[in-house]
Amino acid sequence: MLSRYNTAINPESVIDLYRNGIFPMGDQNDDNRIFWCNPLVRAVIPISKLHISRSLKKLCVKKEFRFSINYDFEKTISNCANREETWINKSIMSIYNNLHDLGYAHSIEVWEDKELKGGLYGIAIGRVFFAESMFSKSSNGSKIALIALMGILSLNKFLLLDVQFMTDHLKTLGAKEISRSLFLHLIKGSHLNKVQFKKPSALTIDKDLIHQAEKNLLVGIREL
């Protein structure tokens, strides 16, 4: 991992670093310094290869979960930071709120009736989505948000979902580890310009969206 501390940086520089596989993190929420990560091994989830358990599918079909895109980005990142230990400090919040204003950072929020269940946020550049953090207000909230995200990425023919570091949780969802060199090769193959999400016809976690999220018909990466 290559890192250096910095307390201020402009959004354009952040996007350039993302294009080279580098992303910012903080140490603690009470320390506003940031450092830059360039992992030797990268965790990714190939598009339309999200692993969704049978029980979660049944729950999504039984319940009427809806999702929104960029409904409240600032609140989403605040919810992601609302935990005992977090790397999301004030500097990180400022960077991503600025990137959201510029159209690069996006949030997904999941709802049951009018109650917020979970969400996530990340950066969309070209056909790559760089996921940053997730949160749950109730059981499975973040997983359902990830289903919504993967369905959107599939419908918009994205190439790759980057989830940065492997965890046991992400592994069960279909994440794979690849080398830094392969990761850079893949993102260089995408036209890394600003993109807009095209919303599905229905903002509902239904059978069609679940199918898009796990259908295993690879959009662009056949070696994963």
C-alpha atoms as a PDB file:
ATOM      1  CA  MET A   1       0.000   0.000   0.000  1.00  0.00           C
ATOM      2  CA  LEU A   2       1.362   3.381  -1.008  1.00  0.00           C
ATOM      3  CA  SER A   3       0.228   6.278   1.155  1.00  0.00           C
ATOM      4  CA  ARG A   4       0.909   9.876   2.019  1.00  0.00           C
ATOM      5  CA  TYR A   5      -0.860  12.260   4.350  1.00  0.00           C
ATOM      6  CA  ASN A   6      -2.618  15.333   3.145  1.00  0.00           C
ATOM      7  CA  THR A   7      -5.290  17.558   4.690  1.00  0.00           C
ATOM      8  CA  ALA A   8      -6.615  19.315   1.596  1.00  0.00           C
ATOM      9  CA  ILE A   9      -6.937  18.391  -2.065  1.00  0.00           C
ATOM     10  CA  ASN A  10      -9.127  19.532  -4.914  1.00  0.00           C
ATOM     11  CA  PRO A  11     -11.779  17.243  -6.468  1.00  0.00           C
ATOM     12  CA  GLU A  12     -10.061  17.122  -9.871  1.00  0.00           C
ATOM     13  CA  SER A  13      -6.927  15.665  -8.288  1.00  0.00           C
ATOM     14  CA  VAL A  14      -9.007  13.035  -6.473  1.00  0.00           C
ATOM     15  CA  ILE A  15     -10.583  11.916  -9.761  1.00  0.00           C
ATOM     16  CA  ASP A  16      -7.157  11.702 -11.407  1.00  0.00           C
ATOM     17  CA  LEU A  17      -5.954   9.498  -8.535  1.00  0.00           C
ATOM     18  CA  TYR A  18      -9.009   7.231  -8.884  1.00  0.00           C
ATOM     19  CA  ARG A  19      -8.163   6.840 -12.566  1.00  0.00           C
ATOM     20  CA  ASN A  20      -4.832   5.443 -11.411  1.00  0.00           C
ATOM     21  CA  GLY A  21      -6.328   3.071  -8.827  1.00  0.00           C
ATOM     22  CA  ILE A  22      -5.617   5.293  -5.806  1.00  0.00           C
ATOM     23  CA  PHE A  23      -8.257   6.356  -3.276  1.00  0.00           C
ATOM     24  CA  PRO A  24      -8.333   8.405  -0.041  1.00  0.00           C
ATOM     25  CA  MET A  25      -9.030   7.220   3.507  1.00  0.00           C
ATOM     26  CA  GLY A  26      -8.854   8.711   6.985  1.00  0.00           C
ATOM     27  CA  ASP A  27      -7.391   7.212  10.140  1.00  0.00           C
ATOM     28  CA  GLN A  28     -10.077   8.157  12.644  1.00  0.00           C
ATOM     29  CA  ASN A  29     -13.149  10.349  12.686  1.00  0.00           C
ATOM     30  CA  ASP A  30     -11.492  12.773  15.122  1.00  0.00           C
ATOM     31  CA  ASP A  31      -8.372  13.165  12.938  1.00  0.00           C
ATOM     32  CA  ASN A  32      -8.965  15.122   9.730  1.00  0.00           C
ATOM     33  CA  ARG A  33      -5.818  13.972   7.942  1.00  0.00           C
ATOM     34  CA  ILE A  34      -6.223  11.739   4.900  1.00  0.00           C
ATOM     35  CA  PHE A  35      -3.901   9.250   3.254  1.00  0.00           C
ATOM     36  CA  TRP A  36      -3.832   7.617  -0.160  1.00  0.00           C
ATOM     37  CA  CYS A  37      -4.250   3.887  -0.713  1.00  0.00           C
ATOM     38  CA  ASN A  38      -2.916   1.871  -3.628  1.00  0.00           C
ATOM     39  CA  PRO A  39      -3.341  -1.779  -2.535  1.00  0.00           C
ATOM     40  CA  LEU A  40      -1.229  -4.547  -4.041  1.00  0.00           C
ATOM     41  CA  VAL A  41      -4.367  -6.717  -4.141  1.00  0.00           C
ATOM     42  CA  ARG A  42      -7.791  -5.333  -5.011  1.00  0.00           C
ATOM     43  CA  ALA A  43     -11.239  -6.752  -4.206  1.00  0.00           C
ATOM     44  CA  VAL A  44     -13.838  -6.489  -6.963  1.00  0.00           C
ATOM     45  CA  ILE A  45     -17.276  -7.891  -7.721  1.00  0.00           C
ATOM     46  CA  PRO A  46     -17.767  -8.627 -11.439  1.00  0.00           C
ATOM     47  CA  ILE A  47     -20.894  -7.027 -12.867  1.00  0.00           C
ATOM     48  CA  SER A  48     -23.975  -9.260 -12.633  1.00  0.00           C
ATOM     49  CA  LYS A  49     -22.175 -11.833 -10.484  1.00  0.00           C
ATOM     50  CA  LEU A  50     -23.440 -10.738  -7.076  1.00  0.00           C
ATOM     51  CA  HIS A  51     -24.141 -13.715  -4.809  1.00  0.00           C
ATOM     52  CA  ILE A  52     -27.610 -13.305  -3.295  1.00  0.00           C
ATOM     53  CA  SER A  53     -28.771 -15.901  -0.775  1.00  0.00           C
ATOM     54  CA  ARG A  54     -32.134 -17.622  -1.206  1.00  0.00           C
ATOM     55  CA  SER A  55     -33.354 -16.192   2.066  1.00  0.00           C
ATOM     56  CA  LEU A  56     -32.486 -12.645   0.977  1.00  0.00           C
ATOM     57  CA  LYS A  57     -34.228 -13.147  -2.372  1.00  0.00           C
ATOM     58  CA  LYS A  58     -37.352 -14.355  -0.584  1.00  0.00           C
ATOM     59  CA  LEU A  59     -37.207 -11.361   1.747  1.00  0.00           C
ATOM     60  CA  CYS A  60     -36.913  -8.932  -1.176  1.00  0.00           C
ATOM     61  CA  VAL A  61     -39.839 -10.547  -3.001  1.00  0.00           C
ATOM     62  CA  LYS A  62     -41.965 -10.654   0.161  1.00  0.00           C
ATOM     63  CA  LYS A  63     -41.260  -7.102   1.268  1.00  0.00           C
ATOM     64  CA  GLU A  64     -41.740  -4.001  -0.836  1.00  0.00           C
ATOM     65  CA  PHE A  65     -38.275  -2.511  -0.711  1.00  0.00           C
ATOM     66  CA  ARG A  66     -37.764   0.578  -2.819  1.00  0.00           C
ATOM     67  CA  PHE A  67     -34.556   2.454  -3.507  1.00  0.00           C
ATOM     68  CA  SER A  68     -33.564   5.962  -4.426  1.00  0.00           C
ATOM     69  CA  ILE A  69     -30.532   7.367  -6.216  1.00  0.00           C
ATOM     70  CA  ASN A  70     -28.898  10.485  -4.756  1.00  0.00           C
ATOM     71  CA  TYR A  71     -31.922  11.232  -2.581  1.00  0.00           C
ATOM     72  CA  ASP A  72     -29.740  12.546   0.261  1.00  0.00           C
ATOM     73  CA  PHE A  73     -26.044  12.004  -0.412  1.00  0.00           C
ATOM     74  CA  GLU A  74     -24.874  13.994   2.607  1.00  0.00           C
ATOM     75  CA  LYS A  75     -27.081  11.988   4.967  1.00  0.00           C
ATOM     76  CA  THR A  76     -25.941   8.724   3.394  1.00  0.00           C
ATOM     77  CA  ILE A  77     -22.258   9.416   3.992  1.00  0.00           C
ATOM     78  CA  SER A  78     -23.090  10.591   7.534  1.00  0.00           C
ATOM     79  CA  ASN A  79     -24.875   7.289   8.196  1.00  0.00           C
ATOM     80  CA  CYS A  80     -21.858   5.389   6.861  1.00  0.00           C
ATOM     81  CA  ALA A  81     -19.658   7.310   9.315  1.00  0.00           C
ATOM     82  CA  ASN A  82     -22.015   6.779  12.258  1.00  0.00           C
ATOM     83  CA  ARG A  83     -20.216   3.904  13.991  1.00  0.00           C
ATOM     84  CA  GLU A  84     -17.806   3.501  16.888  1.00  0.00           C
ATOM     85  CA  GLU A  85     -14.731   3.336  14.668  1.00  0.00           C
ATOM     86  CA  THR A  86     -14.656   4.884  11.212  1.00  0.00           C
ATOM     87  CA  TRP A  87     -12.182   6.135   8.624  1.00  0.00           C
ATOM     88  CA  ILE A  88     -14.747   8.674   7.379  1.00  0.00           C
ATOM     89  CA  ASN A  89     -13.604  11.955   8.924  1.00  0.00           C
ATOM     90  CA  LYS A  90     -14.594  15.543   8.108  1.00  0.00           C
ATOM     91  CA  SER A  91     -12.009  15.807   5.329  1.00  0.00           C
ATOM     92  CA  ILE A  92     -13.361  12.660   3.665  1.00  0.00           C
ATOM     93  CA  MET A  93     -16.933  13.935   3.954  1.00  0.00           C
ATOM     94  CA  SER A  94     -15.945  17.234   2.388  1.00  0.00           C
ATOM     95  CA  ILE A  95     -14.165  15.546  -0.540  1.00  0.00           C
ATOM     96  CA  TYR A  96     -17.092  13.288  -1.420  1.00  0.00           C
ATOM     97  CA  ASN A  97     -19.764  15.926  -0.925  1.00  0.00           C
ATOM     98  CA  ASN A  98     -17.830  18.079  -3.412  1.00  0.00           C
ATOM     99  CA  LEU A  99     -17.562  15.145  -5.811  1.00  0.00           C
ATOM    100  CA  HIS A 100     -21.296  14.587  -5.486  1.00  0.00           C
ATOM    101  CA  ASP A 101     -21.953  18.235  -6.384  1.00  0.00           C
ATOM    102  CA  LEU A 102     -19.784  17.707  -9.480  1.00  0.00           C
ATOM    103  CA  GLY A 103     -21.735  14.579 -10.500  1.00  0.00           C
ATOM    104  CA  TYR A 104     -19.113  11.930  -9.728  1.00  0.00           C
ATOM    105  CA  ALA A 105     -20.204  10.636  -6.301  1.00  0.00           C
ATOM    106  CA  HIS A 106     -23.540   8.850  -5.966  1.00  0.00           C
ATOM    107  CA  SER A 107     -25.615   7.355  -3.185  1.00  0.00           C
ATOM    108  CA  ILE A 108     -28.163   4.554  -3.056  1.00  0.00           C
ATOM    109  CA  GLU A 109     -30.782   4.547  -0.302  1.00  0.00           C
ATOM    110  CA  VAL A 110     -33.118   1.627   0.477  1.00  0.00           C
ATOM    111  CA  TRP A 111     -36.572   2.114   1.956  1.00  0.00           C
ATOM    112  CA  GLU A 112     -39.399  -0.004   3.353  1.00  0.00           C
ATOM    113  CA  ASP A 113     -42.498   2.160   3.267  1.00  0.00           C
ATOM    114  CA  LYS A 114     -40.955   5.504   4.292  1.00  0.00           C
ATOM    115  CA  GLU A 115     -38.365   4.050   6.670  1.00  0.00           C
ATOM    116  CA  LEU A 116     -34.689   4.130   5.698  1.00  0.00           C
ATOM    117  CA  LYS A 117     -33.205   0.615   5.845  1.00  0.00           C
ATOM    118  CA  GLY A 118     -29.689   1.085   4.502  1.00  0.00           C
ATOM    119  CA  GLY A 119     -27.534   2.600   1.825  1.00  0.00           C
ATOM    120  CA  LEU A 120     -24.117   3.094   0.259  1.00  0.00           C
ATOM    121  CA  TYR A 121     -22.077   5.619  -1.670  1.00  0.00           C
ATOM    122  CA  GLY A 122     -19.224   5.624  -4.156  1.00  0.00           C
ATOM    123  CA  ILE A 123     -17.678   7.162  -7.257  1.00  0.00           C
ATOM    124  CA  ALA A 124     -18.737   6.466 -10.844  1.00  0.00           C
ATOM    125  CA  ILE A 125     -16.067   7.160 -13.450  1.00  0.00           C
ATOM    126  CA  GLY A 126     -16.647   5.769 -16.897  1.00  0.00           C
ATOM    127  CA  ARG A 127     -17.856   2.175 -16.592  1.00  0.00           C
ATOM    128  CA  VAL A 128     -16.256   1.606 -13.183  1.00  0.00           C
ATOM    129  CA  PHE A 129     -18.021   2.149  -9.857  1.00  0.00           C
ATOM    130  CA  PHE A 130     -15.680   2.584  -6.902  1.00  0.00           C
ATOM    131  CA  ALA A 131     -17.753   1.659  -3.827  1.00  0.00           C
ATOM    132  CA  GLU A 132     -16.679   3.428  -0.648  1.00  0.00           C
ATOM    133  CA  SER A 133     -18.913   2.485   2.286  1.00  0.00           C
ATOM    134  CA  MET A 134     -22.274   0.979   3.250  1.00  0.00           C
ATOM    135  CA  PHE A 135     -24.579   1.204   6.245  1.00  0.00           C
ATOM    136  CA  SER A 136     -27.569  -0.674   7.657  1.00  0.00           C
ATOM    137  CA  LYS A 137     -30.385   0.656   9.773  1.00  0.00           C
ATOM    138  CA  SER A 138     -31.853  -2.840  10.048  1.00  0.00           C
ATOM    139  CA  SER A 139     -30.905  -6.405   9.135  1.00  0.00           C
ATOM    140  CA  ASN A 140     -29.692  -6.801   5.525  1.00  0.00           C
ATOM    141  CA  GLY A 141     -30.041  -3.081   4.759  1.00  0.00           C
ATOM    142  CA  SER A 142     -26.587  -2.750   3.190  1.00  0.00           C
ATOM    143  CA  LYS A 143     -26.952  -6.025   1.242  1.00  0.00           C
ATOM    144  CA  ILE A 144     -30.216  -4.825  -0.281  1.00  0.00           C
ATOM    145  CA  ALA A 145     -28.543  -1.530  -1.222  1.00  0.00           C
ATOM    146  CA  LEU A 146     -25.816  -3.548  -2.950  1.00  0.00           C
ATOM    147  CA  ILE A 147     -28.459  -5.473  -4.927  1.00  0.00           C
ATOM    148  CA  ALA A 148     -29.898  -2.149  -6.081  1.00  0.00           C
ATOM    149  CA  LEU A 149     -26.453  -0.864  -7.029  1.00  0.00           C
ATOM    150  CA  MET A 150     -25.490  -4.007  -8.971  1.00  0.00           C
ATOM    151  CA  GLY A 151     -28.801  -3.971 -10.826  1.00  0.00           C
ATOM    152  CA  ILE A 152     -28.189  -0.354 -11.843  1.00  0.00           C
ATOM    153  CA  LEU A 153     -24.607  -1.083 -12.907  1.00  0.00           C
ATOM    154  CA  SER A 154     -25.747  -4.042 -15.001  1.00  0.00           C
ATOM    155  CA  LEU A 155     -28.503  -2.051 -16.706  1.00  0.00           C
ATOM    156  CA  ASN A 156     -26.011   0.724 -17.493  1.00  0.00           C
ATOM    157  CA  LYS A 157     -23.414  -1.767 -18.815  1.00  0.00           C
ATOM    158  CA  PHE A 158     -20.725  -0.978 -16.272  1.00  0.00           C
ATOM    159  CA  LEU A 159     -17.497  -2.930 -16.459  1.00  0.00           C
ATOM    160  CA  LEU A 160     -16.501  -3.372 -12.831  1.00  0.00           C
ATOM    161  CA  LEU A 161     -17.532  -2.816  -9.214  1.00  0.00           C
ATOM    162  CA  ASP A 162     -14.512  -2.052  -7.032  1.00  0.00           C
ATOM    163  CA  VAL A 163     -14.924  -2.829  -3.321  1.00  0.00           C
ATOM    164  CA  GLN A 164     -11.273  -2.131  -2.420  1.00  0.00           C
ATOM    165  CA  PHE A 165     -10.400  -4.611   0.358  1.00  0.00           C
ATOM    166  CA  MET A 166     -11.628  -8.183   0.765  1.00  0.00           C
ATOM    167  CA  THR A 167     -13.642  -9.070   3.865  1.00  0.00           C
ATOM    168  CA  ASP A 168     -15.449 -12.275   4.828  1.00  0.00           C
ATOM    169  CA  HIS A 169     -18.734 -10.413   4.297  1.00  0.00           C
ATOM    170  CA  LEU A 170     -17.813  -9.317   0.756  1.00  0.00           C
ATOM    171  CA  LYS A 171     -16.488 -12.756  -0.129  1.00  0.00           C
ATOM    172  CA  THR A 172     -19.908 -14.283   0.557  1.00  0.00           C
ATOM    173  CA  LEU A 173     -21.368 -11.705  -1.865  1.00  0.00           C
ATOM    174  CA  GLY A 174     -19.103 -12.779  -4.720  1.00  0.00           C
ATOM    175  CA  ALA A 175     -16.076 -10.523  -4.326  1.00  0.00           C
ATOM    176  CA  LYS A 176     -12.805 -11.704  -5.869  1.00  0.00           C
ATOM    177  CA  GLU A 177      -9.230 -10.560  -5.339  1.00  0.00           C
ATOM    178  CA  ILE A 178      -7.132  -9.491  -8.306  1.00  0.00           C
ATOM    179  CA  SER A 179      -3.658  -8.023  -8.585  1.00  0.00           C
ATOM    180  CA  ARG A 180      -3.018  -4.284  -8.749  1.00  0.00           C
ATOM    181  CA  SER A 181      -1.648  -4.689 -12.283  1.00  0.00           C
ATOM    182  CA  LEU A 182      -4.795  -6.465 -13.510  1.00  0.00           C
ATOM    183  CA  PHE A 183      -7.009  -3.928 -11.777  1.00  0.00           C
ATOM    184  CA  LEU A 184      -5.162  -1.041 -13.437  1.00  0.00           C
ATOM    185  CA  HIS A 185      -5.377  -2.822 -16.792  1.00  0.00           C
ATOM    186  CA  LEU A 186      -9.137  -3.185 -16.406  1.00  0.00           C
ATOM    187  CA  ILE A 187      -9.825   0.394 -15.359  1.00  0.00           C
ATOM    188  CA  LYS A 188      -7.532   1.746 -18.074  1.00  0.00           C
ATOM    189  CA  GLY A 189      -9.701  -0.160 -20.539  1.00  0.00           C
ATOM    190  CA  SER A 190     -12.733   1.834 -19.452  1.00  0.00           C
ATOM    191  CA  HIS A 191     -13.316   5.375 -20.668  1.00  0.00           C
ATOM    192  CA  LEU A 192     -12.964   7.004 -17.266  1.00  0.00           C
ATOM    193  CA  ASN A 193     -15.135  10.056 -17.783  1.00  0.00           C
ATOM    194  CA  LYS A 194     -18.099  11.252 -15.756  1.00  0.00           C
ATOM    195  CA  VAL A 195     -21.262   9.195 -16.272  1.00  0.00           C
ATOM    196  CA  GLN A 196     -24.857   9.430 -15.160  1.00  0.00           C
ATOM    197  CA  PHE A 197     -26.921   6.527 -13.864  1.00  0.00           C
ATOM    198  CA  LYS A 198     -29.929   5.710 -16.013  1.00  0.00           C
ATOM    199  CA  LYS A 199     -32.668   4.831 -13.572  1.00  0.00           C
ATOM    200  CA  PRO A 200     -34.542   1.534 -13.972  1.00  0.00           C
ATOM    201  CA  SER A 201     -38.186   1.829 -14.985  1.00  0.00           C
ATOM    202  CA  ALA A 202     -39.203   0.868 -11.431  1.00  0.00           C
ATOM    203  CA  LEU A 203     -37.177   1.792  -8.351  1.00  0.00           C
ATOM    204  CA  THR A 204     -38.130  -1.461  -6.635  1.00  0.00           C
ATOM    205  CA  ILE A 205     -36.057  -4.423  -5.431  1.00  0.00           C
ATOM    206  CA  ASP A 206     -38.036  -6.913  -7.512  1.00  0.00           C
ATOM    207  CA  LYS A 207     -37.326 -10.133  -9.408  1.00  0.00           C
ATOM    208  CA  ASP A 208     -36.178  -8.250 -12.505  1.00  0.00           C
ATOM    209  CA  LEU A 209     -33.608  -6.200 -10.593  1.00  0.00           C
ATOM    210  CA  ILE A 210     -32.368  -9.277  -8.703  1.00  0.00           C
ATOM    211  CA  HIS A 211     -31.948 -11.033 -12.052  1.00  0.00           C
ATOM    212  CA  GLN A 212     -29.887  -8.118 -13.377  1.00  0.00           C
ATOM    213  CA  ALA A 213     -27.696  -8.244 -10.262  1.00  0.00           C
ATOM    214  CA  GLU A 214     -26.853 -11.964 -10.475  1.00  0.00           C
ATOM    215  CA  LYS A 215     -27.585 -13.164 -13.991  1.00  0.00           C
ATOM    216  CA  ASN A 216     -23.910 -14.111 -14.600  1.00  0.00           C
ATOM    217  CA  LEU A 217     -23.906 -12.703 -18.120  1.00  0.00           C
ATOM    218  CA  LEU A 218     -20.714 -10.724 -17.937  1.00  0.00           C
ATOM    219  CA  VAL A 219     -20.832  -7.274 -19.450  1.00  0.00           C
ATOM    220  CA  GLY A 220     -17.144  -6.826 -20.063  1.00  0.00           C
ATOM    221  CA  ILE A 221     -14.786  -8.965 -17.986  1.00  0.00           C
ATOM    222  CA  ARG A 222     -14.733 -12.614 -18.961  1.00  0.00           C
ATOM    223  CA  GLU A 223     -11.607 -13.628 -17.084  1.00  0.00           C
ATOM    224  CA  LEU A 224     -13.108 -13.012 -13.618  1.00  0.00           C
END
